[in-house]
């Protein structure tokens, strides 16, 4: 599936379930954009990108389960205490892939 990203960081209002947030005032150091990847086939925004120009501190909480996906293994190895971006997908992804999945 190809994702059309031409609307990322575009300031015009779009079809969105987040009507109240479309008029959110400027926040220094943060850019927020939502677009449709057509995950729901109805045109609503379904992926969001938060960009932090100076980086942002973050915290993580994980399950104690011994069965973890590759993205969790990757996250556990991170040493950097700042993130530059946060990408949110509104649908669940298949996390168990590969030989052990």
Protein backbone atom coordinates (compact mmCIF):
# COMPACT_ATOMS: atom_id res chain seq x y z
CA UNK A 1 0.00 0.00 0.00
CA UNK A 2 1.39 3.38 -0.98
CA UNK A 3 0.92 6.24 1.45
CA UNK A 4 0.37 9.71 0.03
CA UNK A 5 2.42 12.00 2.29
CA UNK A 6 2.00 15.24 0.33
CA UNK A 7 -0.30 16.62 3.04
CA UNK A 8 2.15 16.13 5.93
CA UNK A 9 2.89 19.45 7.62
CA UNK A 10 0.21 21.17 5.50
CA UNK A 11 -1.62 23.88 7.47
CA UNK A 12 -5.02 23.70 5.76
CA UNK A 13 -7.94 22.00 7.56
CA UNK A 14 -8.77 18.49 6.43
CA UNK A 15 -11.49 15.90 6.96
CA UNK A 16 -10.80 14.71 10.48
CA UNK A 17 -12.48 13.17 13.52
CA UNK A 18 -10.33 15.57 15.60
CA UNK A 19 -12.32 18.73 14.82
CA UNK A 20 -11.38 20.50 18.07
CA UNK A 21 -7.66 20.08 17.45
CA UNK A 22 -7.65 21.58 13.97
CA UNK A 23 -7.69 25.05 15.56
CA UNK A 24 -4.91 24.25 18.04
CA UNK A 25 -2.63 27.26 18.43
CA UNK A 26 1.06 27.28 17.57
CA UNK A 27 3.37 25.40 19.94
CA UNK A 28 7.07 26.28 19.58
CA UNK A 29 9.19 23.33 18.51
CA UNK A 30 6.30 21.01 17.57
CA UNK A 31 4.72 20.32 14.20
CA UNK A 32 1.69 18.03 14.08
CA UNK A 33 0.14 16.64 10.94
CA UNK A 34 -2.53 14.04 10.20
CA UNK A 35 -3.36 12.55 6.81
CA UNK A 36 -5.24 9.62 5.39
CA UNK A 37 -3.48 6.45 4.29
CA UNK A 38 -6.97 5.14 3.49
CA UNK A 39 -6.75 2.49 6.21
CA UNK A 40 -10.52 2.80 6.78
CA UNK A 41 -11.59 3.54 3.18
CA UNK A 42 -13.68 6.55 4.24
CA UNK A 43 -11.17 9.38 3.75
CA UNK A 44 -10.68 10.21 7.43
CA UNK A 45 -7.24 10.96 8.81
CA UNK A 46 -5.69 7.73 10.08
CA UNK A 47 -1.98 8.43 10.50
CA UNK A 48 -0.37 11.24 12.49
CA UNK A 49 3.16 12.61 12.68
CA UNK A 50 4.45 14.67 15.60
CA UNK A 51 7.81 16.35 14.84
CA UNK A 52 9.87 17.77 17.70
CA UNK A 53 12.50 20.15 16.29
CA UNK A 54 14.62 20.12 19.46
CA UNK A 55 13.81 16.54 20.42
CA UNK A 56 11.49 15.46 23.22
CA UNK A 57 11.99 13.26 26.28
CA UNK A 58 9.92 10.11 26.35
CA UNK A 59 8.98 7.21 28.59
CA UNK A 60 8.12 3.63 27.67
CA UNK A 61 6.07 0.96 29.40
CA UNK A 62 6.30 -2.66 28.25
CA UNK A 63 4.66 -5.96 29.06
CA UNK A 64 6.50 -8.56 31.14
CA UNK A 65 5.62 -11.20 28.55
CA UNK A 66 8.54 -13.18 27.13
CA UNK A 67 6.87 -13.00 23.70
CA UNK A 68 7.79 -9.62 22.20
CA UNK A 69 7.72 -8.23 18.68
CA UNK A 70 10.74 -6.95 16.79
CA UNK A 71 9.75 -3.32 17.28
CA UNK A 72 9.75 -3.83 21.07
CA UNK A 73 13.19 -5.47 20.90
CA UNK A 74 14.40 -2.45 18.91
CA UNK A 75 12.91 0.00 21.41
CA UNK A 76 14.54 -1.78 24.35
CA UNK A 77 17.96 -1.28 22.73
CA UNK A 78 17.56 2.51 22.35
CA UNK A 79 20.01 4.56 24.38
CA UNK A 80 18.97 8.01 23.17
CA UNK A 81 16.77 9.85 25.67
CA UNK A 82 15.24 12.17 23.06
CA UNK A 83 12.97 11.46 20.12
CA UNK A 84 12.61 13.71 17.09
CA UNK A 85 9.36 12.26 15.77
CA UNK A 86 6.37 10.19 16.80
CA UNK A 87 4.40 8.36 14.10
CA UNK A 88 0.94 7.04 15.00
CA UNK A 89 -1.04 4.53 12.96
CA UNK A 90 -4.70 4.11 13.96
CA UNK A 91 -4.90 0.44 13.03
CA UNK A 92 -3.09 -2.40 14.76
CA UNK A 93 -0.14 -3.79 12.88
CA UNK A 94 0.98 -7.41 12.74
CA UNK A 95 3.87 -7.41 15.20
CA UNK A 96 4.77 -11.09 15.11
CA UNK A 97 6.70 -11.51 11.89
CA UNK A 98 9.66 -13.59 10.84
CA UNK A 99 10.74 -17.07 11.99
CA UNK A 100 9.72 -16.66 15.63
CA UNK A 101 6.45 -14.87 14.78
